[in-house]
C-alpha atoms as a PDB file:
ATOM      1  CA  UNK A   1      -7.965  14.738   3.690  1.00  0.00           C
ATOM      2  CA  UNK A   2      -9.973  12.010   2.003  1.00  0.00           C
ATOM      3  CA  UNK A   3      -9.898   8.485   3.408  1.00  0.00           C
ATOM      4  CA  UNK A   4     -11.495   5.440   1.817  1.00  0.00           C
ATOM      5  CA  UNK A   5     -12.787   2.509   3.863  1.00  0.00           C
ATOM      6  CA  UNK A   6     -13.969  -1.009   3.097  1.00  0.00           C
ATOM      7  CA  UNK A   7     -14.062  -2.602   6.552  1.00  0.00           C
ATOM      8  CA  UNK A   8     -17.798  -3.334   6.356  1.00  0.00           C
ATOM      9  CA  UNK A   9     -17.064  -5.776   3.513  1.00  0.00           C
ATOM     10  CA  UNK A  10     -16.049  -8.472   5.969  1.00  0.00           C
ATOM     11  CA  UNK A  11     -14.243 -11.575   4.841  1.00  0.00           C
ATOM     12  CA  UNK A  12     -15.460 -14.508   6.994  1.00  0.00           C
ATOM     13  CA  UNK A  13     -12.554 -16.488   8.383  1.00  0.00           C
ATOM     14  CA  UNK A  14     -12.436 -19.696  10.410  1.00  0.00           C
ATOM     15  CA  UNK A  15     -11.786 -19.508  14.135  1.00  0.00           C
ATOM     16  CA  UNK A  16      -8.100 -19.145  14.935  1.00  0.00           C
ATOM     17  CA  UNK A  17      -7.125 -17.737  11.535  1.00  0.00           C
ATOM     18  CA  UNK A  18      -4.044 -15.558  11.975  1.00  0.00           C
ATOM     19  CA  UNK A  19      -5.094 -12.725   9.676  1.00  0.00           C
ATOM     20  CA  UNK A  20      -6.310  -9.809  11.875  1.00  0.00           C
ATOM     21  CA  UNK A  21      -9.450  -8.922   9.907  1.00  0.00           C
ATOM     22  CA  UNK A  22     -10.852  -6.859  12.787  1.00  0.00           C
ATOM     23  CA  UNK A  23      -8.027  -4.339  12.539  1.00  0.00           C
ATOM     24  CA  UNK A  24      -9.713  -2.561   9.638  1.00  0.00           C
ATOM     25  CA  UNK A  25     -12.867  -1.872  11.636  1.00  0.00           C
ATOM     26  CA  UNK A  26     -10.726  -0.680  14.551  1.00  0.00           C
ATOM     27  CA  UNK A  27      -8.699   1.611  12.279  1.00  0.00           C
ATOM     28  CA  UNK A  28     -11.858   3.142  10.813  1.00  0.00           C
ATOM     29  CA  UNK A  29     -13.469   3.601  14.223  1.00  0.00           C
ATOM     30  CA  UNK A  30     -10.252   5.012  15.667  1.00  0.00           C
ATOM     31  CA  UNK A  31      -9.786   7.485  12.834  1.00  0.00           C
ATOM     32  CA  UNK A  32     -13.402   8.647  13.186  1.00  0.00           C
ATOM     33  CA  UNK A  33     -12.908   9.178  16.913  1.00  0.00           C
ATOM     34  CA  UNK A  34      -9.404  10.625  17.115  1.00  0.00           C
ATOM     35  CA  UNK A  35      -8.247  12.193  13.831  1.00  0.00           C
ATOM     36  CA  UNK A  36      -9.680  15.539  12.821  1.00  0.00           C
ATOM     37  CA  UNK A  37     -10.022  16.771   9.273  1.00  0.00           C
ATOM     38  CA  UNK A  38     -10.825  13.489   7.503  1.00  0.00           C
ATOM     39  CA  UNK A  39     -13.491  13.192   4.824  1.00  0.00           C
ATOM     40  CA  UNK A  40     -14.528   9.513   4.841  1.00  0.00           C
ATOM     41  CA  UNK A  41     -15.801   7.715   1.746  1.00  0.00           C
ATOM     42  CA  UNK A  42     -16.814   4.123   1.040  1.00  0.00           C
ATOM     43  CA  UNK A  43     -14.287   2.486  -1.266  1.00  0.00           C
ATOM     44  CA  UNK A  44     -15.499   1.878  -4.823  1.00  0.00           C
ATOM     45  CA  UNK A  45     -15.230  -1.576  -6.376  1.00  0.00           C
ATOM     46  CA  UNK A  46     -12.566  -2.132  -9.039  1.00  0.00           C
ATOM     47  CA  UNK A  47     -13.996  -3.590 -12.251  1.00  0.00           C
ATOM     48  CA  UNK A  48     -12.609  -6.515 -14.222  1.00  0.00           C
ATOM     49  CA  UNK A  49     -11.258  -4.120 -16.853  1.00  0.00           C
ATOM     50  CA  UNK A  50      -9.414  -2.034 -14.271  1.00  0.00           C
ATOM     51  CA  UNK A  51      -7.971  -5.092 -12.533  1.00  0.00           C
ATOM     52  CA  UNK A  52      -6.776  -6.349 -15.934  1.00  0.00           C
ATOM     53  CA  UNK A  53      -4.296  -3.464 -16.057  1.00  0.00           C
ATOM     54  CA  UNK A  54      -2.162  -5.581 -13.710  1.00  0.00           C
ATOM     55  CA  UNK A  55      -3.756  -9.051 -13.680  1.00  0.00           C
ATOM     56  CA  UNK A  56      -4.435 -11.748 -16.258  1.00  0.00           C
ATOM     57  CA  UNK A  57      -8.121 -11.897 -17.284  1.00  0.00           C
ATOM     58  CA  UNK A  58      -8.235 -15.645 -16.591  1.00  0.00           C
ATOM     59  CA  UNK A  59      -7.042 -15.114 -13.016  1.00  0.00           C
ATOM     60  CA  UNK A  60      -9.646 -12.375 -12.456  1.00  0.00           C
ATOM     61  CA  UNK A  61     -12.372 -14.680 -13.789  1.00  0.00           C
ATOM     62  CA  UNK A  62     -11.236 -17.578 -11.602  1.00  0.00           C
ATOM     63  CA  UNK A  63     -11.181 -15.379  -8.498  1.00  0.00           C
ATOM     64  CA  UNK A  64     -14.647 -14.053  -9.295  1.00  0.00           C
ATOM     65  CA  UNK A  65     -16.183 -17.477  -9.947  1.00  0.00           C
ATOM     66  CA  UNK A  66     -14.410 -19.352  -7.179  1.00  0.00           C
ATOM     67  CA  UNK A  67     -12.655 -21.695  -9.593  1.00  0.00           C
ATOM     68  CA  UNK A  68      -9.058 -21.085  -8.539  1.00  0.00           C
ATOM     69  CA  UNK A  69      -6.815 -24.109  -8.262  1.00  0.00           C
ATOM     70  CA  UNK A  70      -6.546 -25.374  -4.697  1.00  0.00           C
ATOM     71  CA  UNK A  71      -2.841 -24.545  -4.645  1.00  0.00           C
ATOM     72  CA  UNK A  72      -3.524 -20.919  -5.592  1.00  0.00           C
ATOM     73  CA  UNK A  73      -6.303 -20.570  -3.033  1.00  0.00           C
ATOM     74  CA  UNK A  74      -3.982 -22.028  -0.397  1.00  0.00           C
ATOM     75  CA  UNK A  75      -1.228 -19.554  -1.355  1.00  0.00           C
ATOM     76  CA  UNK A  76      -3.673 -16.673  -0.871  1.00  0.00           C
ATOM     77  CA  UNK A  77      -4.415 -17.950   2.623  1.00  0.00           C
ATOM     78  CA  UNK A  78      -8.164 -17.191   2.630  1.00  0.00           C
ATOM     79  CA  UNK A  79     -11.050 -19.548   1.903  1.00  0.00           C
ATOM     80  CA  UNK A  80     -12.984 -18.502  -1.195  1.00  0.00           C
ATOM     81  CA  UNK A  81     -16.236 -16.670  -0.550  1.00  0.00           C
ATOM     82  CA  UNK A  82     -18.126 -13.970  -2.472  1.00  0.00           C
ATOM     83  CA  UNK A  83     -17.104 -11.626   0.348  1.00  0.00           C
ATOM     84  CA  UNK A  84     -13.435 -12.345  -0.364  1.00  0.00           C
ATOM     85  CA  UNK A  85     -13.946 -11.243  -3.953  1.00  0.00           C
ATOM     86  CA  UNK A  86     -15.843  -8.077  -3.096  1.00  0.00           C
ATOM     87  CA  UNK A  87     -13.454  -7.058  -0.331  1.00  0.00           C
ATOM     88  CA  UNK A  88     -10.492  -7.540  -2.675  1.00  0.00           C
ATOM     89  CA  UNK A  89     -12.128  -5.400  -5.364  1.00  0.00           C
ATOM     90  CA  UNK A  90     -12.909  -2.685  -2.805  1.00  0.00           C
ATOM     91  CA  UNK A  91      -9.373  -2.723  -1.431  1.00  0.00           C
ATOM     92  CA  UNK A  92      -8.017  -2.039  -4.913  1.00  0.00           C
ATOM     93  CA  UNK A  93     -10.734   0.536  -5.532  1.00  0.00           C
ATOM     94  CA  UNK A  94      -9.784   2.404  -2.363  1.00  0.00           C
ATOM     95  CA  UNK A  95      -6.177   2.856  -3.469  1.00  0.00           C
ATOM     96  CA  UNK A  96      -7.401   4.016  -6.878  1.00  0.00           C
ATOM     97  CA  UNK A  97      -9.685   6.549  -5.189  1.00  0.00           C
ATOM     98  CA  UNK A  98      -6.873   7.716  -2.897  1.00  0.00           C
ATOM     99  CA  UNK A  99      -4.597   8.285  -5.897  1.00  0.00           C
ATOM    100  CA  UNK A 100      -7.266  10.295  -7.701  1.00  0.00           C
ATOM    101  CA  UNK A 101      -7.960  12.368  -4.589  1.00  0.00           C
ATOM    102  CA  UNK A 102      -4.288  13.127  -3.931  1.00  0.00           C
ATOM    103  CA  UNK A 103      -3.725  14.141  -7.549  1.00  0.00           C
ATOM    104  CA  UNK A 104      -6.904  16.233  -7.848  1.00  0.00           C
ATOM    105  CA  UNK A 105      -6.491  18.020  -4.529  1.00  0.00           C
ATOM    106  CA  UNK A 106      -6.862  20.350  -2.857  1.00  0.00           C
ATOM    107  CA  UNK A 107      -4.996  18.157  -0.344  1.00  0.00           C
ATOM    108  CA  UNK A 108      -1.926  16.360  -1.729  1.00  0.00           C
ATOM    109  CA  UNK A 109      -2.396  13.286   0.490  1.00  0.00           C
ATOM    110  CA  UNK A 110      -5.177  10.688   0.645  1.00  0.00           C
ATOM    111  CA  UNK A 111      -5.482   7.361   2.434  1.00  0.00           C
ATOM    112  CA  UNK A 112      -6.807   3.861   1.888  1.00  0.00           C
ATOM    113  CA  UNK A 113      -7.730   2.481   5.317  1.00  0.00           C
ATOM    114  CA  UNK A 114      -6.798  -0.986   4.045  1.00  0.00           C
ATOM    115  CA  UNK A 115      -4.801  -2.090   0.983  1.00  0.00           C
ATOM    116  CA  UNK A 116      -1.128  -2.751   0.507  1.00  0.00           C
ATOM    117  CA  UNK A 117      -1.775  -6.150  -1.120  1.00  0.00           C
ATOM    118  CA  UNK A 118       1.709  -6.404  -2.558  1.00  0.00           C
ATOM    119  CA  UNK A 119       2.109 -10.192  -2.676  1.00  0.00           C
ATOM    120  CA  UNK A 120      -0.450 -10.580  -5.474  1.00  0.00           C
ATOM    121  CA  UNK A 121       1.136 -11.478  -8.825  1.00  0.00           C
ATOM    122  CA  UNK A 122      -0.367 -10.978 -12.265  1.00  0.00           C
ATOM    123  CA  UNK A 123      -1.702 -14.534 -12.393  1.00  0.00           C
ATOM    124  CA  UNK A 124      -2.109 -15.551  -8.753  1.00  0.00           C
ATOM    125  CA  UNK A 125      -2.474 -14.252  -5.239  1.00  0.00           C
ATOM    126  CA  UNK A 126      -0.361 -15.034  -2.186  1.00  0.00           C
ATOM    127  CA  UNK A 127       0.207 -14.001   1.400  1.00  0.00           C
ATOM    128  CA  UNK A 128      -3.352 -12.734   2.097  1.00  0.00           C
ATOM    129  CA  UNK A 129      -3.294 -10.707  -1.138  1.00  0.00           C
ATOM    130  CA  UNK A 130      -5.724 -11.296  -4.021  1.00  0.00           C
ATOM    131  CA  UNK A 131      -5.393  -8.248  -6.289  1.00  0.00           C
ATOM    132  CA  UNK A 132      -2.361  -5.931  -6.236  1.00  0.00           C
ATOM    133  CA  UNK A 133      -3.904  -2.564  -5.389  1.00  0.00           C
ATOM    134  CA  UNK A 134      -0.737  -0.482  -5.888  1.00  0.00           C
ATOM    135  CA  UNK A 135       0.091  -1.925  -9.312  1.00  0.00           C
ATOM    136  CA  UNK A 136      -3.517  -1.605 -10.482  1.00  0.00           C
ATOM    137  CA  UNK A 137      -3.821   1.977  -9.223  1.00  0.00           C
ATOM    138  CA  UNK A 138      -0.493   3.081 -10.702  1.00  0.00           C
ATOM    139  CA  UNK A 139      -1.404   1.687 -14.111  1.00  0.00           C
ATOM    140  CA  UNK A 140      -4.870   3.252 -13.999  1.00  0.00           C
ATOM    141  CA  UNK A 141      -3.512   6.702 -13.128  1.00  0.00           C
ATOM    142  CA  UNK A 142      -1.391   6.434 -16.257  1.00  0.00           C
ATOM    143  CA  UNK A 143      -4.277   5.134 -18.361  1.00  0.00           C
ATOM    144  CA  UNK A 144      -6.432   8.048 -17.190  1.00  0.00           C
ATOM    145  CA  UNK A 145      -3.595  10.371 -18.242  1.00  0.00           C
ATOM    146  CA  UNK A 146      -3.239  11.851 -14.764  1.00  0.00           C
ATOM    147  CA  UNK A 147       0.494  11.053 -14.517  1.00  0.00           C
ATOM    148  CA  UNK A 148       3.210   9.370 -16.512  1.00  0.00           C
ATOM    149  CA  UNK A 149       5.571   8.301 -13.699  1.00  0.00           C
ATOM    150  CA  UNK A 150       4.655   6.643 -10.393  1.00  0.00           C
ATOM    151  CA  UNK A 151       6.839   5.467  -7.510  1.00  0.00           C
ATOM    152  CA  UNK A 152       5.656   2.710  -5.186  1.00  0.00           C
ATOM    153  CA  UNK A 153       7.433   3.085  -1.842  1.00  0.00           C
ATOM    154  CA  UNK A 154       6.817  -0.165   0.003  1.00  0.00           C
ATOM    155  CA  UNK A 155       7.664  -0.014   3.703  1.00  0.00           C
ATOM    156  CA  UNK A 156       5.847  -3.149   4.759  1.00  0.00           C
ATOM    157  CA  UNK A 157       8.291  -5.494   6.522  1.00  0.00           C
ATOM    158  CA  UNK A 158       7.802  -8.100   3.778  1.00  0.00           C
ATOM    159  CA  UNK A 159       9.161  -7.582   0.270  1.00  0.00           C
ATOM    160  CA  UNK A 160       6.606  -6.458  -2.295  1.00  0.00           C
ATOM    161  CA  UNK A 161       7.325  -9.442  -4.496  1.00  0.00           C
ATOM    162  CA  UNK A 162       4.091  -9.384  -6.467  1.00  0.00           C
ATOM    163  CA  UNK A 163       4.487  -5.684  -7.217  1.00  0.00           C
ATOM    164  CA  UNK A 164       8.090  -6.183  -8.320  1.00  0.00           C
ATOM    165  CA  UNK A 165       7.084  -9.043 -10.612  1.00  0.00           C
ATOM    166  CA  UNK A 166       4.135  -7.265 -12.251  1.00  0.00           C
ATOM    167  CA  UNK A 167       6.145  -4.091 -12.908  1.00  0.00           C
ATOM    168  CA  UNK A 168       9.532  -5.666 -13.633  1.00  0.00           C
ATOM    169  CA  UNK A 169       9.737  -4.399 -17.220  1.00  0.00           C
ATOM    170  CA  UNK A 170       7.873  -1.129 -16.713  1.00  0.00           C
ATOM    171  CA  UNK A 171      10.307   1.784 -16.613  1.00  0.00           C
ATOM    172  CA  UNK A 172       7.474   4.240 -15.925  1.00  0.00           C
ATOM    173  CA  UNK A 173       6.774   2.840 -12.426  1.00  0.00           C
ATOM    174  CA  UNK A 174       9.588   2.651  -9.862  1.00  0.00           C
ATOM    175  CA  UNK A 175       9.352  -0.032  -7.183  1.00  0.00           C
ATOM    176  CA  UNK A 176      11.191   0.507  -3.882  1.00  0.00           C
ATOM    177  CA  UNK A 177      10.964  -2.125  -1.146  1.00  0.00           C
ATOM    178  CA  UNK A 178      12.563  -1.813   2.303  1.00  0.00           C
ATOM    179  CA  UNK A 179      12.055  -5.147   4.044  1.00  0.00           C
ATOM    180  CA  UNK A 180      13.402  -7.888   6.282  1.00  0.00           C
ATOM    181  CA  UNK A 181      16.107  -9.891   4.532  1.00  0.00           C
ATOM    182  CA  UNK A 182      15.138 -13.185   6.205  1.00  0.00           C
ATOM    183  CA  UNK A 183      11.390 -12.672   6.258  1.00  0.00           C
ATOM    184  CA  UNK A 184       8.577 -13.791   3.945  1.00  0.00           C
ATOM    185  CA  UNK A 185       8.653 -14.173   0.973  1.00  0.00           C
ATOM    186  CA  UNK A 186      11.689 -16.392   1.240  1.00  0.00           C
ATOM    187  CA  UNK A 187      12.220 -16.318  -2.534  1.00  0.00           C
ATOM    188  CA  UNK A 188      12.417 -12.624  -3.405  1.00  0.00           C
ATOM    189  CA  UNK A 189      11.684 -10.873  -6.696  1.00  0.00           C
ATOM    190  CA  UNK A 190      13.783  -7.961  -7.960  1.00  0.00           C
ATOM    191  CA  UNK A 191      12.373  -4.481  -7.369  1.00  0.00           C
ATOM    192  CA  UNK A 192      13.918  -1.415  -8.977  1.00  0.00           C
ATOM    193  CA  UNK A 193      15.481  -0.849  -5.559  1.00  0.00           C
ATOM    194  CA  UNK A 194      15.524  -3.437  -2.772  1.00  0.00           C
ATOM    195  CA  UNK A 195      16.917  -2.702   0.682  1.00  0.00           C
ATOM    196  CA  UNK A 196      17.111  -5.867   2.785  1.00  0.00           C
ATOM    197  CA  UNK A 197      17.446  -5.397   6.551  1.00  0.00           C
ATOM    198  CA  UNK A 198      18.731  -7.843   9.128  1.00  0.00           C
ATOM    199  CA  UNK A 199      16.537  -9.151  11.936  1.00  0.00           C
ATOM    200  CA  UNK A 200      16.502  -6.804  14.913  1.00  0.00           C
ATOM    201  CA  UNK A 201      17.095  -3.607  12.909  1.00  0.00           C
ATOM    202  CA  UNK A 202      16.019  -0.646  15.049  1.00  0.00           C
ATOM    203  CA  UNK A 203      14.988   2.949  14.524  1.00  0.00           C
ATOM    204  CA  UNK A 204      18.248   4.654  13.609  1.00  0.00           C
ATOM    205  CA  UNK A 205      19.574   2.002  11.240  1.00  0.00           C
ATOM    206  CA  UNK A 206      16.180   1.721   9.568  1.00  0.00           C
ATOM    207  CA  UNK A 207      15.815   5.470   9.100  1.00  0.00           C
ATOM    208  CA  UNK A 208      19.350   5.772   7.732  1.00  0.00           C
ATOM    209  CA  UNK A 209      18.552   3.032   5.224  1.00  0.00           C
ATOM    210  CA  UNK A 210      15.279   4.700   4.241  1.00  0.00           C
ATOM    211  CA  UNK A 211      16.918   8.090   3.789  1.00  0.00           C
ATOM    212  CA  UNK A 212      19.518   6.554   1.511  1.00  0.00           C
ATOM    213  CA  UNK A 213      16.910   4.586  -0.419  1.00  0.00           C
ATOM    214  CA  UNK A 214      14.736   7.643  -1.056  1.00  0.00           C
ATOM    215  CA  UNK A 215      17.768   9.623  -2.203  1.00  0.00           C
ATOM    216  CA  UNK A 216      18.787   6.820  -4.559  1.00  0.00           C
ATOM    217  CA  UNK A 217      15.275   6.513  -5.960  1.00  0.00           C
ATOM    218  CA  UNK A 218      15.019  10.236  -6.607  1.00  0.00           C
ATOM    219  CA  UNK A 219      18.436  10.313  -8.264  1.00  0.00           C
ATOM    220  CA  UNK A 220      17.232   7.654 -10.703  1.00  0.00           C
ATOM    221  CA  UNK A 221      13.561   8.537 -11.125  1.00  0.00           C
ATOM    222  CA  UNK A 222      11.260  11.589 -11.009  1.00  0.00           C
ATOM    223  CA  UNK A 223       7.817  10.465  -9.799  1.00  0.00           C
ATOM    224  CA  UNK A 224       4.659  12.501 -10.272  1.00  0.00           C
ATOM    225  CA  UNK A 225       2.845  10.377  -7.681  1.00  0.00           C
ATOM    226  CA  UNK A 226       3.984   8.219  -4.758  1.00  0.00           C
ATOM    227  CA  UNK A 227       1.964   5.248  -3.560  1.00  0.00           C
ATOM    228  CA  UNK A 228       3.205   4.627  -0.016  1.00  0.00           C
ATOM    229  CA  UNK A 229       2.646   1.259   1.673  1.00  0.00           C
ATOM    230  CA  UNK A 230       2.884   2.196   5.346  1.00  0.00           C
ATOM    231  CA  UNK A 231       3.057  -1.224   6.973  1.00  0.00           C
ATOM    232  CA  UNK A 232       2.722  -1.485  10.749  1.00  0.00           C
ATOM    233  CA  UNK A 233       4.681  -4.732  10.800  1.00  0.00           C
ATOM    234  CA  UNK A 234       8.181  -3.242  11.263  1.00  0.00           C
ATOM    235  CA  UNK A 235       7.003  -2.438  14.810  1.00  0.00           C
ATOM    236  CA  UNK A 236       8.901  -4.189  17.600  1.00  0.00           C
ATOM    237  CA  UNK A 237       5.669  -5.759  18.882  1.00  0.00           C
ATOM    238  CA  UNK A 238       4.750  -7.429  15.601  1.00  0.00           C
ATOM    239  CA  UNK A 239       4.695 -11.237  15.743  1.00  0.00           C
ATOM    240  CA  UNK A 240       5.717 -11.620  12.077  1.00  0.00           C
ATOM    241  CA  UNK A 241       7.953  -8.581  11.638  1.00  0.00           C
ATOM    242  CA  UNK A 242      11.341  -9.438  13.214  1.00  0.00           C
ATOM    243  CA  UNK A 243      12.426  -5.757  13.173  1.00  0.00           C
ATOM    244  CA  UNK A 244      12.570  -3.465  16.213  1.00  0.00           C
ATOM    245  CA  UNK A 245      11.059  -0.121  15.276  1.00  0.00           C
ATOM    246  CA  UNK A 246       9.391   1.875  18.030  1.00  0.00           C
ATOM    247  CA  UNK A 247       6.232   3.965  17.666  1.00  0.00           C
ATOM    248  CA  UNK A 248       8.472   7.020  17.419  1.00  0.00           C
ATOM    249  CA  UNK A 249      10.643   5.394  14.770  1.00  0.00           C
ATOM    250  CA  UNK A 250       7.610   4.572  12.663  1.00  0.00           C
ATOM    251  CA  UNK A 251       6.336   8.139  13.020  1.00  0.00           C
ATOM    252  CA  UNK A 252       9.719   9.404  11.820  1.00  0.00           C
ATOM    253  CA  UNK A 253       9.541   6.942   8.922  1.00  0.00           C
ATOM    254  CA  UNK A 254       6.163   8.283   7.815  1.00  0.00           C
ATOM    255  CA  UNK A 255       7.271  11.880   8.248  1.00  0.00           C
ATOM    256  CA  UNK A 256      10.382  11.239   6.154  1.00  0.00           C
ATOM    257  CA  UNK A 257       8.313   9.961   3.238  1.00  0.00           C
ATOM    258  CA  UNK A 258       5.757  12.757   3.513  1.00  0.00           C
ATOM    259  CA  UNK A 259       8.362  15.502   3.930  1.00  0.00           C
ATOM    260  CA  UNK A 260      10.331  14.209   0.948  1.00  0.00           C
ATOM    261  CA  UNK A 261       7.197  14.177  -1.186  1.00  0.00           C
ATOM    262  CA  UNK A 262       6.093  17.585   0.048  1.00  0.00           C
ATOM    263  CA  UNK A 263       9.483  19.158  -0.636  1.00  0.00           C
ATOM    264  CA  UNK A 264       9.225  17.998  -4.253  1.00  0.00           C
ATOM    265  CA  UNK A 265       5.486  18.680  -4.654  1.00  0.00           C
ATOM    266  CA  UNK A 266       4.663  15.011  -5.226  1.00  0.00           C
ATOM    267  CA  UNK A 267       1.165  13.877  -4.189  1.00  0.00           C
ATOM    268  CA  UNK A 268       0.961  10.765  -1.995  1.00  0.00           C
ATOM    269  CA  UNK A 269      -1.620   7.992  -1.729  1.00  0.00           C
ATOM    270  CA  UNK A 270      -1.156   5.845   1.385  1.00  0.00           C
ATOM    271  CA  UNK A 271      -2.308   2.299   2.084  1.00  0.00           C
ATOM    272  CA  UNK A 272      -2.070   0.559   5.443  1.00  0.00           C
ATOM    273  CA  UNK A 273      -0.370  -2.705   4.337  1.00  0.00           C
ATOM    274  CA  UNK A 274       0.537  -5.354   6.935  1.00  0.00           C
ATOM    275  CA  UNK A 275       0.408  -5.476  10.703  1.00  0.00           C
ATOM    276  CA  UNK A 276       0.261  -8.548  12.929  1.00  0.00           C
ATOM    277  CA  UNK A 277       0.903  -7.233  16.411  1.00  0.00           C
ATOM    278  CA  UNK A 278       0.981  -9.542  19.402  1.00  0.00           C
ATOM    279  CA  UNK A 279      -1.390  -6.907  20.764  1.00  0.00           C
ATOM    280  CA  UNK A 280      -3.727  -5.812  17.964  1.00  0.00           C
ATOM    281  CA  UNK A 281      -4.124  -2.419  19.635  1.00  0.00           C
ATOM    282  CA  UNK A 282      -0.429  -1.754  18.940  1.00  0.00           C
ATOM    283  CA  UNK A 283      -0.984  -2.453  15.245  1.00  0.00           C
ATOM    284  CA  UNK A 284      -4.020  -0.184  15.174  1.00  0.00           C
ATOM    285  CA  UNK A 285      -2.073   2.539  17.009  1.00  0.00           C
ATOM    286  CA  UNK A 286       0.699   2.436  14.391  1.00  0.00           C
ATOM    287  CA  UNK A 287      -1.831   2.772  11.561  1.00  0.00           C
ATOM    288  CA  UNK A 288      -3.700   5.584  13.324  1.00  0.00           C
ATOM    289  CA  UNK A 289      -0.407   7.391  13.844  1.00  0.00           C
ATOM    290  CA  UNK A 290       0.213   7.189  10.083  1.00  0.00           C
ATOM    291  CA  UNK A 291      -3.281   8.504   9.331  1.00  0.00           C
ATOM    292  CA  UNK A 292      -2.935  11.374  11.812  1.00  0.00           C
ATOM    293  CA  UNK A 293       0.425  12.401  10.341  1.00  0.00           C
ATOM    294  CA  UNK A 294      -1.017  12.252   6.835  1.00  0.00           C
ATOM    295  CA  UNK A 295      -3.988  14.397   7.859  1.00  0.00           C
ATOM    296  CA  UNK A 296      -1.649  16.935   9.423  1.00  0.00           C
ATOM    297  CA  UNK A 297       0.436  17.141   6.258  1.00  0.00           C
ATOM    298  CA  UNK A 298      -2.659  17.373   4.085  1.00  0.00           C
ATOM    299  CA  UNK A 299      -3.918  20.302   6.148  1.00  0.00           C
ATOM    300  CA  UNK A 300      -0.755  22.183   7.044  1.00  0.00           C
ATOM    301  CA  UNK A 301       1.875  21.489   4.403  1.00  0.00           C
ATOM    302  CA  UNK A 302       1.602  24.093   1.657  1.00  0.00           C
ATOM    303  CA  UNK A 303       2.027  21.970  -1.423  1.00  0.00           C
ATOM    304  CA  UNK A 304       2.565  24.252  -4.391  1.00  0.00           C
ATOM    305  CA  UNK A 305       1.374  22.403  -7.457  1.00  0.00           C
ATOM    306  CA  UNK A 306       3.284  23.399 -10.592  1.00  0.00           C
ATOM    307  CA  UNK A 307       1.298  23.706 -13.777  1.00  0.00           C
ATOM    308  CA  UNK A 308       0.921  20.216 -15.196  1.00  0.00           C
ATOM    309  CA  UNK A 309       2.756  19.625 -18.442  1.00  0.00           C
ATOM    310  CA  UNK A 310       0.528  18.142 -21.146  1.00  0.00           C
ATOM    311  CA  UNK A 311       1.000  14.424 -21.525  1.00  0.00           C
ATOM    312  CA  UNK A 312       2.121  13.101 -24.872  1.00  0.00           C
ATOM    313  CA  UNK A 313      -0.722  11.753 -26.970  1.00  0.00           C
ATOM    314  CA  UNK A 314      -0.395   8.075 -27.880  1.00  0.00           C
ATOM    315  CA  UNK A 315       0.809   7.479 -31.391  1.00  0.00           C
END
């Protein structure tokens, strides 16, 4: 299984900043040490033209030059630095590379060891998200004529509001968000399917909701690719999550998504999304569990790829 990393593009943060930047290095080191069968690659950088598939050119230029309005920079939550720009481009590039790898095979699953920047809108960032990697990657897979229909299955604890906004009028990309009803963002956007969960939701209620959401999505939409945001922040030890999933519950969550995709021969690209554990090792353990499950599916699940139907030429 291919995995794409960008943790060496470090975003310098002031002392006491609450974003756990070190988790990406720990995930990469942990995957190298504990997960067999991974082919590691440095994440490529997404170009302005690629980012413009989901973002306004003016916003991309302002991010690149450090001329964002103070209010927009504050909403992102990071101070502007050249490293912020490069890391954000690489994070999007890693999800693009994971999509290409999952679609090209031979393994039907690939992983971005960061990503999940779902709070970024077309014209501004927010919530530690600069560029929306899932929206950019989905649009690029279509532009490269690899697929026509993409589902974004967002299982971060926070609603994928930026993703929902960017893709609101795009019937070719289905947005599913399973998130905390009372959690950030407090003003929600409308996904194609939103499932809002009450504080304290545990394993069984969460998994029942996810099973129903996947069934509803598949009754309404037939994806040729799934981009799966496998957030660690539903974990019971997360300081921002407010849900009560155990390690086992999160493993069952990941397996449910992968088994559903495998049963229908749908390739999957996974990004790590959020995780703010009171103990950072718990967050890293959740992400490593996701990566290990993905590697196992990539190796052992016999995905039978049907012959690809030719895509319609543009008129």
